[in-house]
Amino acid sequence: MYDWNLIVNAFTTMLVTLDPPGLAPIFLGLTVGMNRAERQQVALRGSIIAFAILAAFAIFGAGILGLLGISIGAFRIAGGLLLFFIAFEMVFERRQERKEKATEAAITKDHIRNIAVFPLALPLIAGPGAISATILLSGSLSSPVGRAALLAVIALCVAIVYLTLYIAERVDRYLGATGRAILTRLLGVILAALAVQFVVDGIRAAFVI
């Protein structure tokens, strides 16, 4: 019987890292001037591309680390520290500000047809934190069954992101500024705890404790 704790941990880590509620207002700002059908098209395309990126790292990420001579333990420590930094930004509302700056820069440089690729799919959905989390989780779920479960978890989390973007106007109106701030901080605390666990597991693996 498979360890469902690993699956739940993977789902929680990916969902918190992707942060669907935090993406909703940014997506609305990114697609200003578009009608509902165009927004849905951008959301679907961006979600599919983000899934492809994360799935590629889930399948080949550990192999790439092996070629570079980086152990899973070392990457868990580095990835855990990176996720902790993202959690710190979420708790102190710095991540949202950084994402909004990235969005503004992209609108001035890229044509509206490319928004689904950049910055929506990369780096807003499949950002450094999500990619790091994917590679970390692929080390824990390294068996064929585990890898398939990880891909299913990624697909489910990206689907939740898409649904959030699909109803972004209603989500943003429902949460409001206060609701977004509370939810983002709560998710940040959860991610910080998961990040610390990654570092602890990495130290154990690296030093065979």
N, C-alpha and C. Protein backbone atom coordinates (compact mmCIF):
# COMPACT_ATOMS: atom_id res chain seq x y z
N MET A 1 0.84 -1.20 0.00
CA MET A 1 0.00 0.00 0.00
C MET A 1 0.88 1.25 0.00
N TYR A 2 0.49 2.21 -0.86
CA TYR A 2 1.36 3.39 -1.01
C TYR A 2 1.20 4.35 0.17
N ASP A 3 2.26 5.08 0.49
CA ASP A 3 2.26 6.03 1.61
C ASP A 3 1.50 7.30 1.19
N TRP A 4 0.25 7.43 1.65
CA TRP A 4 -0.57 8.57 1.27
C TRP A 4 -0.10 9.86 1.93
N ASN A 5 0.69 9.75 3.00
CA ASN A 5 1.22 10.95 3.63
C ASN A 5 2.11 11.73 2.66
N LEU A 6 2.88 10.97 1.85
CA LEU A 6 3.74 11.62 0.85
C LEU A 6 2.90 12.35 -0.19
N ILE A 7 1.78 11.74 -0.59
CA ILE A 7 0.91 12.35 -1.60
C ILE A 7 0.27 13.62 -1.04
N VAL A 8 -0.21 13.55 0.19
CA VAL A 8 -0.82 14.72 0.83
C VAL A 8 0.20 15.83 0.99
N ASN A 9 1.43 15.46 1.40
CA ASN A 9 2.51 16.43 1.56
C ASN A 9 2.85 17.09 0.22
N ALA A 10 2.89 16.27 -0.86
CA ALA A 10 3.18 16.80 -2.19
C ALA A 10 2.09 17.75 -2.65
N PHE A 11 0.83 17.37 -2.42
CA PHE A 11 -0.30 18.21 -2.83
C PHE A 11 -0.27 19.54 -2.08
N THR A 12 -0.05 19.48 -0.77
CA THR A 12 -0.01 20.70 0.04
C THR A 12 1.13 21.61 -0.40
N THR A 13 2.31 21.02 -0.59
CA THR A 13 3.48 21.81 -1.00
C THR A 13 3.25 22.50 -2.34
N MET A 14 2.77 21.75 -3.34
CA MET A 14 2.57 22.31 -4.67
C MET A 14 1.48 23.39 -4.65
N LEU A 15 0.37 23.11 -3.96
CA LEU A 15 -0.74 24.06 -3.96
C LEU A 15 -0.35 25.37 -3.27
N VAL A 16 0.36 25.26 -2.15
CA VAL A 16 0.78 26.46 -1.43
C VAL A 16 1.80 27.24 -2.24
N THR A 17 2.72 26.53 -2.91
CA THR A 17 3.75 27.20 -3.71
C THR A 17 3.13 27.90 -4.91
N LEU A 18 2.17 27.26 -5.56
CA LEU A 18 1.52 27.88 -6.72
C LEU A 18 0.65 29.07 -6.32
N ASP A 19 0.05 29.01 -5.10
CA ASP A 19 -0.70 30.14 -4.54
C ASP A 19 -1.80 30.66 -5.48
N PRO A 20 -2.82 29.85 -5.80
CA PRO A 20 -3.89 30.29 -6.71
C PRO A 20 -4.59 31.60 -6.31
N PRO A 21 -4.96 31.80 -5.01
CA PRO A 21 -5.64 33.06 -4.66
C PRO A 21 -4.77 34.29 -4.91
N GLY A 22 -3.45 34.14 -4.72
CA GLY A 22 -2.55 35.25 -4.96
C GLY A 22 -2.39 35.58 -6.43
N LEU A 23 -2.60 34.58 -7.30
CA LEU A 23 -2.49 34.79 -8.74
C LEU A 23 -3.70 35.51 -9.33
N ALA A 24 -4.86 35.37 -8.68
CA ALA A 24 -6.11 35.92 -9.24
C ALA A 24 -6.03 37.42 -9.53
N PRO A 25 -5.68 38.27 -8.54
CA PRO A 25 -5.62 39.71 -8.85
C PRO A 25 -4.54 40.08 -9.85
N ILE A 26 -3.42 39.35 -9.84
CA ILE A 26 -2.34 39.61 -10.80
C ILE A 26 -2.81 39.27 -12.21
N PHE A 27 -3.53 38.15 -12.33
CA PHE A 27 -4.06 37.74 -13.63
C PHE A 27 -5.02 38.79 -14.18
N LEU A 28 -5.85 39.36 -13.31
CA LEU A 28 -6.79 40.40 -13.75
C LEU A 28 -6.03 41.63 -14.25
N GLY A 29 -4.96 41.99 -13.54
CA GLY A 29 -4.15 43.12 -13.98
C GLY A 29 -3.42 42.84 -15.29
N LEU A 30 -3.02 41.58 -15.44
CA LEU A 30 -2.28 41.16 -16.64
C LEU A 30 -3.16 41.17 -17.88
N THR A 31 -4.45 40.93 -17.69
CA THR A 31 -5.37 40.79 -18.84
C THR A 31 -6.35 41.96 -18.94
N VAL A 32 -5.94 43.11 -18.46
CA VAL A 32 -6.78 44.31 -18.55
C VAL A 32 -7.10 44.59 -20.01
N GLY A 33 -8.35 44.89 -20.30
CA GLY A 33 -8.76 45.19 -21.68
C GLY A 33 -9.25 43.98 -22.45
N MET A 34 -9.05 42.77 -21.90
CA MET A 34 -9.52 41.56 -22.57
C MET A 34 -10.95 41.27 -22.17
N ASN A 35 -11.70 40.63 -23.08
CA ASN A 35 -13.03 40.17 -22.70
C ASN A 35 -12.92 38.82 -21.99
N ARG A 36 -14.06 38.28 -21.53
CA ARG A 36 -14.04 37.06 -20.74
C ARG A 36 -13.47 35.87 -21.52
N ALA A 37 -13.85 35.75 -22.80
CA ALA A 37 -13.39 34.63 -23.64
C ALA A 37 -11.87 34.68 -23.82
N GLU A 38 -11.34 35.87 -24.03
CA GLU A 38 -9.89 36.03 -24.20
C GLU A 38 -9.15 35.69 -22.91
N ARG A 39 -9.72 36.10 -21.77
CA ARG A 39 -9.10 35.78 -20.48
C ARG A 39 -9.06 34.28 -20.26
N GLN A 40 -10.15 33.61 -20.59
CA GLN A 40 -10.22 32.16 -20.42
C GLN A 40 -9.19 31.46 -21.31
N GLN A 41 -9.00 31.99 -22.51
CA GLN A 41 -8.03 31.41 -23.44
C GLN A 41 -6.61 31.55 -22.89
N VAL A 42 -6.30 32.73 -22.37
CA VAL A 42 -4.98 32.99 -21.79
C VAL A 42 -4.76 32.09 -20.58
N ALA A 43 -5.79 31.96 -19.72
CA ALA A 43 -5.68 31.13 -18.51
C ALA A 43 -5.44 29.67 -18.87
N LEU A 44 -6.18 29.15 -19.87
CA LEU A 44 -6.03 27.75 -20.27
C LEU A 44 -4.66 27.49 -20.87
N ARG A 45 -4.23 28.35 -21.78
CA ARG A 45 -2.93 28.17 -22.43
C ARG A 45 -1.79 28.27 -21.41
N GLY A 46 -1.87 29.26 -20.53
CA GLY A 46 -0.83 29.43 -19.51
C GLY A 46 -0.76 28.24 -18.57
N SER A 47 -1.92 27.69 -18.19
CA SER A 47 -1.96 26.55 -17.29
C SER A 47 -1.37 25.30 -17.94
N ILE A 48 -1.69 25.08 -19.21
CA ILE A 48 -1.16 23.91 -19.94
C ILE A 48 0.36 24.00 -20.05
N ILE A 49 0.85 25.18 -20.39
CA ILE A 49 2.31 25.36 -20.54
C ILE A 49 3.00 25.17 -19.19
N ALA A 50 2.41 25.72 -18.12
CA ALA A 50 2.99 25.58 -16.78
C ALA A 50 3.03 24.11 -16.36
N PHE A 51 1.96 23.37 -16.66
CA PHE A 51 1.95 21.94 -16.34
C PHE A 51 3.05 21.21 -17.08
N ALA A 52 3.24 21.53 -18.36
CA ALA A 52 4.28 20.87 -19.17
C ALA A 52 5.67 21.13 -18.57
N ILE A 53 5.90 22.37 -18.12
CA ILE A 53 7.19 22.72 -17.53
C ILE A 53 7.42 21.94 -16.24
N LEU A 54 6.42 21.94 -15.36
CA LEU A 54 6.57 21.25 -14.07
C LEU A 54 6.66 19.73 -14.26
N ALA A 55 5.90 19.19 -15.22
CA ALA A 55 5.95 17.75 -15.49
C ALA A 55 7.34 17.35 -15.98
N ALA A 56 7.94 18.19 -16.81
CA ALA A 56 9.29 17.90 -17.32
C ALA A 56 10.30 17.85 -16.18
N PHE A 57 10.18 18.78 -15.23
CA PHE A 57 11.08 18.77 -14.08
C PHE A 57 10.80 17.60 -13.15
N ALA A 58 9.52 17.19 -13.05
CA ALA A 58 9.17 16.03 -12.22
C ALA A 58 9.79 14.76 -12.77
N ILE A 59 9.85 14.64 -14.10
CA ILE A 59 10.37 13.43 -14.74
C ILE A 59 11.89 13.45 -14.87
N PHE A 60 12.43 14.59 -15.30
CA PHE A 60 13.86 14.65 -15.62
C PHE A 60 14.70 15.42 -14.60
N GLY A 61 14.05 16.07 -13.63
CA GLY A 61 14.80 16.92 -12.69
C GLY A 61 15.86 16.18 -11.91
N ALA A 62 15.50 15.01 -11.35
CA ALA A 62 16.46 14.23 -10.55
C ALA A 62 17.61 13.74 -11.42
N GLY A 63 17.31 13.37 -12.67
CA GLY A 63 18.36 12.92 -13.59
C GLY A 63 19.35 14.03 -13.91
N ILE A 64 18.82 15.24 -14.08
CA ILE A 64 19.69 16.40 -14.35
C ILE A 64 20.60 16.66 -13.17
N LEU A 65 20.05 16.55 -11.95
CA LEU A 65 20.86 16.74 -10.74
C LEU A 65 21.98 15.70 -10.68
N GLY A 66 21.64 14.44 -11.06
CA GLY A 66 22.64 13.38 -11.05
C GLY A 66 23.78 13.67 -12.02
N LEU A 67 23.44 14.18 -13.21
CA LEU A 67 24.46 14.52 -14.20
C LEU A 67 25.37 15.64 -13.71
N LEU A 68 24.79 16.54 -12.92
CA LEU A 68 25.57 17.66 -12.39
C LEU A 68 26.32 17.29 -11.11
N GLY A 69 26.09 16.07 -10.62
CA GLY A 69 26.77 15.62 -9.41
C GLY A 69 26.20 16.21 -8.14
N ILE A 70 24.92 16.62 -8.18
CA ILE A 70 24.25 17.20 -7.01
C ILE A 70 23.38 16.13 -6.37
N SER A 71 23.59 15.87 -5.10
CA SER A 71 22.79 14.85 -4.42
C SER A 71 21.40 15.39 -4.10
N ILE A 72 20.44 14.48 -3.94
CA ILE A 72 19.09 14.88 -3.57
C ILE A 72 19.10 15.58 -2.20
N GLY A 73 19.97 15.09 -1.30
CA GLY A 73 20.08 15.71 0.03
C GLY A 73 20.48 17.17 -0.06
N ALA A 74 21.51 17.45 -0.89
CA ALA A 74 21.97 18.83 -1.05
C ALA A 74 20.89 19.69 -1.68
N PHE A 75 20.17 19.13 -2.66
CA PHE A 75 19.12 19.91 -3.31
C PHE A 75 17.94 20.14 -2.37
N ARG A 76 17.66 19.16 -1.51
CA ARG A 76 16.58 19.36 -0.54
C ARG A 76 16.90 20.53 0.39
N ILE A 77 18.17 20.62 0.82
CA ILE A 77 18.57 21.72 1.69
C ILE A 77 18.43 23.05 0.95
N ALA A 78 18.98 23.12 -0.28
CA ALA A 78 18.93 24.35 -1.07
C ALA A 78 17.48 24.71 -1.41
N GLY A 79 16.72 23.71 -1.86
CA GLY A 79 15.32 23.95 -2.22
C GLY A 79 14.48 24.35 -1.02
N GLY A 80 14.74 23.72 0.12
CA GLY A 80 14.02 24.07 1.34
C GLY A 80 14.29 25.51 1.75
N LEU A 81 15.55 25.95 1.62
CA LEU A 81 15.89 27.33 1.95
C LEU A 81 15.19 28.30 0.99
N LEU A 82 15.15 27.93 -0.30
CA LEU A 82 14.47 28.77 -1.28
C LEU A 82 12.97 28.87 -0.97
N LEU A 83 12.36 27.72 -0.65
CA LEU A 83 10.93 27.72 -0.31
C LEU A 83 10.67 28.52 0.97
N PHE A 84 11.63 28.46 1.90
CA PHE A 84 11.47 29.24 3.13
C PHE A 84 11.51 30.73 2.83
N PHE A 85 12.38 31.12 1.88
CA PHE A 85 12.46 32.53 1.48
C PHE A 85 11.14 32.98 0.85
N ILE A 86 10.54 32.10 0.02
CA ILE A 86 9.25 32.41 -0.60
C ILE A 86 8.17 32.54 0.48
N ALA A 87 8.22 31.63 1.47
CA ALA A 87 7.27 31.69 2.58
C ALA A 87 7.42 33.01 3.35
N PHE A 88 8.67 33.43 3.55
CA PHE A 88 8.95 34.69 4.24
C PHE A 88 8.33 35.86 3.47
N GLU A 89 8.49 35.82 2.13
CA GLU A 89 7.90 36.87 1.29
C GLU A 89 6.38 36.87 1.38
N MET A 90 5.78 35.66 1.44
CA MET A 90 4.32 35.56 1.52
C MET A 90 3.81 36.13 2.84
N VAL A 91 4.48 35.81 3.92
CA VAL A 91 4.05 36.27 5.24
C VAL A 91 4.15 37.80 5.35
N PHE A 92 5.21 38.37 4.74
CA PHE A 92 5.43 39.81 4.84
C PHE A 92 5.01 40.56 3.57
N GLU A 93 4.20 39.89 2.71
CA GLU A 93 3.58 40.49 1.51
C GLU A 93 4.60 41.04 0.53
N ARG A 94 5.75 40.42 0.40
CA ARG A 94 6.74 40.89 -0.57
C ARG A 94 6.65 40.15 -1.89
N ARG A 95 6.13 38.90 -1.84
CA ARG A 95 6.03 38.09 -3.06
C ARG A 95 5.03 38.71 -4.04
N GLN A 96 3.89 39.17 -3.51
CA GLN A 96 2.85 39.77 -4.35
C GLN A 96 3.40 41.00 -5.07
N GLU A 97 4.14 41.80 -4.33
CA GLU A 97 4.72 43.01 -4.89
C GLU A 97 5.70 42.68 -6.01
N ARG A 98 6.52 41.64 -5.82
CA ARG A 98 7.50 41.24 -6.84
C ARG A 98 6.80 40.72 -8.08
N LYS A 99 5.73 39.93 -7.89
CA LYS A 99 4.98 39.39 -9.03
C LYS A 99 4.33 40.52 -9.83
N GLU A 100 3.81 41.53 -9.13
CA GLU A 100 3.16 42.64 -9.82
C GLU A 100 4.17 43.43 -10.64
N LYS A 101 5.39 43.58 -10.14
CA LYS A 101 6.44 44.26 -10.89
C LYS A 101 6.80 43.48 -12.14
N ALA A 102 6.89 42.14 -12.02
CA ALA A 102 7.19 41.29 -13.17
C ALA A 102 6.09 41.40 -14.22
N THR A 103 4.86 41.51 -13.77
CA THR A 103 3.72 41.63 -14.68
C THR A 103 3.79 42.94 -15.45
N GLU A 104 4.06 44.03 -14.74
CA GLU A 104 4.12 45.34 -15.39
C GLU A 104 5.21 45.39 -16.44
N ALA A 105 6.37 44.81 -16.14
CA ALA A 105 7.48 44.81 -17.09
C ALA A 105 7.12 44.02 -18.34
N ALA A 106 6.44 42.91 -18.16
CA ALA A 106 6.10 42.05 -19.29
C ALA A 106 5.09 42.70 -20.21
N ILE A 107 4.12 43.44 -19.66
CA ILE A 107 3.08 44.05 -20.49
C ILE A 107 3.70 45.07 -21.44
N THR A 108 4.73 45.75 -21.02
CA THR A 108 5.34 46.75 -21.87
C THR A 108 6.23 46.12 -22.94
N LYS A 109 6.73 44.93 -22.73
CA LYS A 109 7.69 44.32 -23.65
C LYS A 109 7.07 43.27 -24.57
N ASP A 110 6.12 42.52 -24.09
CA ASP A 110 5.57 41.39 -24.85
C ASP A 110 4.21 41.70 -25.42
N HIS A 111 3.96 41.15 -26.57
CA HIS A 111 2.64 41.28 -27.18
C HIS A 111 1.64 40.49 -26.37
N ILE A 112 0.39 40.93 -26.39
CA ILE A 112 -0.66 40.32 -25.57
C ILE A 112 -0.83 38.83 -25.85
N ARG A 113 -0.53 38.38 -27.08
CA ARG A 113 -0.69 36.97 -27.42
C ARG A 113 0.32 36.09 -26.70
N ASN A 114 1.42 36.67 -26.25
CA ASN A 114 2.46 35.89 -25.58
C ASN A 114 2.35 35.92 -24.05
N ILE A 115 1.33 36.64 -23.55
CA ILE A 115 1.18 36.78 -22.09
C ILE A 115 0.98 35.42 -21.41
N ALA A 116 0.31 34.50 -22.10
CA ALA A 116 0.07 33.18 -21.52
C ALA A 116 1.38 32.46 -21.23
N VAL A 117 2.40 32.70 -22.09
CA VAL A 117 3.71 32.06 -21.91
C VAL A 117 4.51 32.82 -20.86
N PHE A 118 4.65 34.11 -21.09
CA PHE A 118 5.42 34.96 -20.16
C PHE A 118 4.64 36.25 -19.94
N PRO A 119 4.29 36.58 -18.73
CA PRO A 119 4.78 35.99 -17.48
C PRO A 119 3.83 35.00 -16.81
N LEU A 120 2.70 34.63 -17.43
CA LEU A 120 1.73 33.81 -16.71
C LEU A 120 2.26 32.41 -16.40
N ALA A 121 2.60 31.64 -17.47
CA ALA A 121 3.10 30.27 -17.25
C ALA A 121 4.45 30.31 -16.53
N LEU A 122 5.33 31.16 -17.00
CA LEU A 122 6.68 31.30 -16.44
C LEU A 122 6.99 32.78 -16.34
N PRO A 123 7.20 33.35 -15.17
CA PRO A 123 7.46 32.67 -13.89
C PRO A 123 6.31 32.71 -12.87
N LEU A 124 5.12 33.21 -13.25
CA LEU A 124 4.07 33.38 -12.24
C LEU A 124 3.50 32.06 -11.74
N ILE A 125 3.22 31.10 -12.65
CA ILE A 125 2.71 29.79 -12.19
C ILE A 125 3.88 28.84 -11.94
N ALA A 126 4.64 28.52 -12.97
CA ALA A 126 5.79 27.61 -12.82
C ALA A 126 7.04 28.44 -12.53
N GLY A 127 7.07 29.04 -11.37
CA GLY A 127 8.21 29.87 -10.98
C GLY A 127 9.31 29.05 -10.32
N PRO A 128 10.38 29.72 -9.87
CA PRO A 128 11.50 29.00 -9.23
C PRO A 128 11.06 28.17 -8.03
N GLY A 129 10.13 28.69 -7.24
CA GLY A 129 9.67 27.95 -6.07
C GLY A 129 8.94 26.67 -6.45
N ALA A 130 8.04 26.77 -7.45
CA ALA A 130 7.29 25.59 -7.89
C ALA A 130 8.21 24.56 -8.54
N ILE A 131 9.18 25.03 -9.31
CA ILE A 131 10.14 24.11 -9.95
C ILE A 131 10.99 23.41 -8.90
N SER A 132 11.47 24.18 -7.92
CA SER A 132 12.28 23.59 -6.84
C SER A 132 11.47 22.57 -6.06
N ALA A 133 10.22 22.93 -5.74
CA ALA A 133 9.36 22.00 -5.00
C ALA A 133 9.12 20.73 -5.79
N THR A 134 8.94 20.85 -7.11
CA THR A 134 8.71 19.69 -7.97
C THR A 134 9.91 18.74 -7.94
N ILE A 135 11.11 19.29 -8.06
CA ILE A 135 12.31 18.45 -8.06
C ILE A 135 12.51 17.80 -6.69
N LEU A 136 12.24 18.57 -5.62
CA LEU A 136 12.34 18.01 -4.27
C LEU A 136 11.38 16.84 -4.09
N LEU A 137 10.15 17.03 -4.53
CA LEU A 137 9.14 15.98 -4.38
C LEU A 137 9.44 14.78 -5.25
N SER A 138 10.04 15.01 -6.42
CA SER A 138 10.39 13.88 -7.30
C SER A 138 11.45 12.99 -6.65
N GLY A 139 12.26 13.58 -5.74
CA GLY A 139 13.24 12.77 -5.01
C GLY A 139 12.58 11.88 -3.99
N SER A 140 11.48 12.35 -3.39
CA SER A 140 10.75 11.55 -2.41
C SER A 140 9.84 10.52 -3.08
N LEU A 141 9.33 10.88 -4.26
CA LEU A 141 8.42 10.00 -5.01
C LEU A 141 9.15 9.50 -6.26
N SER A 142 10.20 8.73 -6.04
CA SER A 142 11.09 8.35 -7.14
C SER A 142 10.68 7.06 -7.86
N SER A 143 9.79 6.26 -7.28
CA SER A 143 9.35 5.03 -7.93
C SER A 143 8.40 5.38 -9.08
N PRO A 144 8.17 4.44 -10.02
CA PRO A 144 7.23 4.71 -11.12
C PRO A 144 5.84 5.12 -10.62
N VAL A 145 5.37 4.41 -9.57
CA VAL A 145 4.05 4.75 -9.01
C VAL A 145 4.09 6.14 -8.36
N GLY A 146 5.17 6.41 -7.65
CA GLY A 146 5.33 7.71 -7.01
C GLY A 146 5.41 8.84 -8.02
N ARG A 147 6.15 8.61 -9.13
CA ARG A 147 6.28 9.63 -10.18
C ARG A 147 4.93 9.89 -10.85
N ALA A 148 4.16 8.81 -11.07
CA ALA A 148 2.82 8.97 -11.65
C ALA A 148 1.92 9.75 -10.70
N ALA A 149 2.05 9.46 -9.40
CA ALA A 149 1.26 10.18 -8.39
C ALA A 149 1.63 11.66 -8.36
N LEU A 150 2.94 11.95 -8.50
CA LEU A 150 3.39 13.34 -8.50
C LEU A 150 2.84 14.09 -9.70
N LEU A 151 2.84 13.45 -10.87
CA LEU A 151 2.29 14.08 -12.07
C LEU A 151 0.79 14.35 -11.89
N ALA A 152 0.10 13.41 -11.24
CA ALA A 152 -1.34 13.60 -10.98
C ALA A 152 -1.56 14.76 -10.01
N VAL A 153 -0.69 14.87 -9.00
CA VAL A 153 -0.78 15.97 -8.04
C VAL A 153 -0.55 17.31 -8.74
N ILE A 154 0.48 17.36 -9.60
CA ILE A 154 0.78 18.59 -10.35
C ILE A 154 -0.40 18.97 -11.24
N ALA A 155 -0.95 17.96 -11.93
CA ALA A 155 -2.11 18.21 -12.81
C ALA A 155 -3.29 18.76 -12.01
N LEU A 156 -3.54 18.19 -10.83
CA LEU A 156 -4.66 18.64 -9.99
C LEU A 156 -4.43 20.07 -9.51
N CYS A 157 -3.21 20.36 -9.06
CA CYS A 157 -2.90 21.70 -8.56
C CYS A 157 -3.00 22.75 -9.67
N VAL A 158 -2.49 22.41 -10.86
CA VAL A 158 -2.57 23.35 -11.99
C VAL A 158 -4.02 23.53 -12.41
N ALA A 159 -4.82 22.46 -12.33
CA ALA A 159 -6.25 22.56 -12.64
C ALA A 159 -6.94 23.52 -11.67
N ILE A 160 -6.54 23.47 -10.39
CA ILE A 160 -7.10 24.39 -9.39
C ILE A 160 -6.69 25.83 -9.72
N VAL A 161 -5.44 26.00 -10.16
CA VAL A 161 -4.98 27.33 -10.59
C VAL A 161 -5.83 27.83 -11.75
N TYR A 162 -6.05 26.95 -12.74
CA TYR A 162 -6.86 27.34 -13.91
C TYR A 162 -8.27 27.75 -13.49
N LEU A 163 -8.88 26.95 -12.62
CA LEU A 163 -10.24 27.26 -12.17
C LEU A 163 -10.28 28.59 -11.42
N THR A 164 -9.22 28.86 -10.64
CA THR A 164 -9.13 30.12 -9.92
C THR A 164 -9.03 31.29 -10.89
N LEU A 165 -8.21 31.12 -11.93
CA LEU A 165 -8.08 32.18 -12.95
C LEU A 165 -9.37 32.34 -13.73
N TYR A 166 -10.06 31.22 -13.96
CA TYR A 166 -11.32 31.22 -14.70
C TYR A 166 -12.39 32.06 -13.99
N ILE A 167 -12.37 31.99 -12.66
CA ILE A 167 -13.34 32.77 -11.87
C ILE A 167 -12.62 33.88 -11.09
N ALA A 168 -11.53 34.40 -11.68
CA ALA A 168 -10.67 35.36 -10.98
C ALA A 168 -11.43 36.59 -10.49
N GLU A 169 -12.33 37.09 -11.31
CA GLU A 169 -13.06 38.30 -10.93
C GLU A 169 -13.87 38.06 -9.66
N ARG A 170 -14.56 36.91 -9.61
CA ARG A 170 -15.39 36.60 -8.44
C ARG A 170 -14.53 36.31 -7.21
N VAL A 171 -13.39 35.59 -7.40
CA VAL A 171 -12.50 35.27 -6.28
C VAL A 171 -11.94 36.55 -5.66
N ASP A 172 -11.49 37.46 -6.52
CA ASP A 172 -10.89 38.70 -6.04
C ASP A 172 -11.93 39.56 -5.32
N ARG A 173 -13.16 39.57 -5.86
CA ARG A 173 -14.24 40.35 -5.25
C ARG A 173 -14.65 39.74 -3.91
N TYR A 174 -14.65 38.40 -3.84
CA TYR A 174 -15.07 37.70 -2.63
C TYR A 174 -14.04 37.85 -1.50
N LEU A 175 -12.76 37.65 -1.84
CA LEU A 175 -11.71 37.72 -0.82
C LEU A 175 -11.48 39.15 -0.36
N GLY A 176 -11.37 40.06 -1.31
CA GLY A 176 -11.04 41.44 -0.97
C GLY A 176 -9.59 41.54 -0.50
N ALA A 177 -9.14 42.74 -0.23
CA ALA A 177 -7.75 42.95 0.17
C ALA A 177 -7.44 42.26 1.50
N THR A 178 -8.36 42.34 2.45
CA THR A 178 -8.15 41.73 3.77
C THR A 178 -8.10 40.21 3.68
N GLY A 179 -9.04 39.62 2.94
CA GLY A 179 -9.07 38.17 2.77
C GLY A 179 -7.81 37.64 2.11
N ARG A 180 -7.34 38.36 1.06
CA ARG A 180 -6.11 37.94 0.37
C ARG A 180 -4.91 37.99 1.31
N ALA A 181 -4.84 39.05 2.12
CA ALA A 181 -3.71 39.21 3.05
C ALA A 181 -3.70 38.09 4.08
N ILE A 182 -4.88 37.76 4.65
CA ILE A 182 -4.97 36.70 5.66
C ILE A 182 -4.60 35.35 5.05
N LEU A 183 -5.19 35.04 3.88
CA LEU A 183 -4.94 33.74 3.24
C LEU A 183 -3.48 33.58 2.84
N THR A 184 -2.90 34.63 2.27
CA THR A 184 -1.50 34.57 1.84
C THR A 184 -0.57 34.33 3.03
N ARG A 185 -0.82 35.00 4.15
CA ARG A 185 0.02 34.82 5.33
C ARG A 185 -0.13 33.42 5.91
N LEU A 186 -1.36 32.93 5.94
CA LEU A 186 -1.60 31.58 6.45
C LEU A 186 -0.88 30.54 5.60
N LEU A 187 -0.99 30.66 4.27
CA LEU A 187 -0.30 29.74 3.36
C LEU A 187 1.22 29.87 3.50
N GLY A 188 1.68 31.09 3.78
CA GLY A 188 3.12 31.32 3.95
C GLY A 188 3.67 30.59 5.17
N VAL A 189 2.91 30.59 6.27
CA VAL A 189 3.33 29.88 7.49
C VAL A 189 3.40 28.37 7.23
N ILE A 190 2.38 27.84 6.51
CA ILE A 190 2.37 26.41 6.19
C ILE A 190 3.57 26.06 5.31
N LEU A 191 3.85 26.90 4.32
CA LEU A 191 4.98 26.64 3.42
C LEU A 191 6.30 26.71 4.18
N ALA A 192 6.42 27.62 5.15
CA ALA A 192 7.64 27.74 5.95
C ALA A 192 7.90 26.44 6.71
N ALA A 193 6.83 25.86 7.29
CA ALA A 193 6.98 24.60 8.02
C ALA A 193 7.41 23.47 7.08
N LEU A 194 6.81 23.42 5.89
CA LEU A 194 7.19 22.40 4.91
C LEU A 194 8.64 22.59 4.46
N ALA A 195 9.05 23.84 4.30
CA ALA A 195 10.42 24.14 3.88
C ALA A 195 11.43 23.68 4.92
N VAL A 196 11.13 23.92 6.18
CA VAL A 196 12.01 23.47 7.27
C VAL A 196 12.13 21.94 7.25
N GLN A 197 11.01 21.26 6.99
CA GLN A 197 11.02 19.80 6.93
C GLN A 197 11.91 19.31 5.79
N PHE A 198 11.88 20.01 4.64
CA PHE A 198 12.75 19.67 3.51
C PHE A 198 14.22 19.80 3.91
N VAL A 199 14.55 20.87 4.63
CA VAL A 199 15.93 21.09 5.07
C VAL A 199 16.37 19.99 6.03
N VAL A 200 15.51 19.64 6.99
CA VAL A 200 15.81 18.58 7.95
C VAL A 200 16.04 17.25 7.23
N ASP A 201 15.14 16.92 6.27
CA ASP A 201 15.29 15.67 5.50
C ASP A 201 16.57 15.70 4.67
N GLY A 202 16.91 16.88 4.13
CA GLY A 202 18.12 17.01 3.34
C GLY A 202 19.38 16.80 4.16
N ILE A 203 19.40 17.35 5.38
CA ILE A 203 20.54 17.17 6.29
C ILE A 203 20.71 15.70 6.66
N ARG A 204 19.57 15.06 6.94
CA ARG A 204 19.62 13.62 7.28
C ARG A 204 20.17 12.81 6.12
N ALA A 205 19.71 13.13 4.89
CA ALA A 205 20.16 12.38 3.72
C ALA A 205 21.63 12.65 3.41
N ALA A 206 22.03 13.93 3.52
CA ALA A 206 23.40 14.31 3.17
C ALA A 206 24.43 13.75 4.15
N PHE A 207 24.07 13.72 5.45
CA PHE A 207 25.00 13.28 6.47
C PHE A 207 24.67 11.90 7.04
N VAL A 208 23.71 11.22 6.39
CA VAL A 208 23.30 9.87 6.79
C VAL A 208 23.04 9.79 8.28
N ILE A 209 22.14 10.66 8.74
CA ILE A 209 21.82 10.70 10.18
C ILE A 209 20.68 9.72 10.46
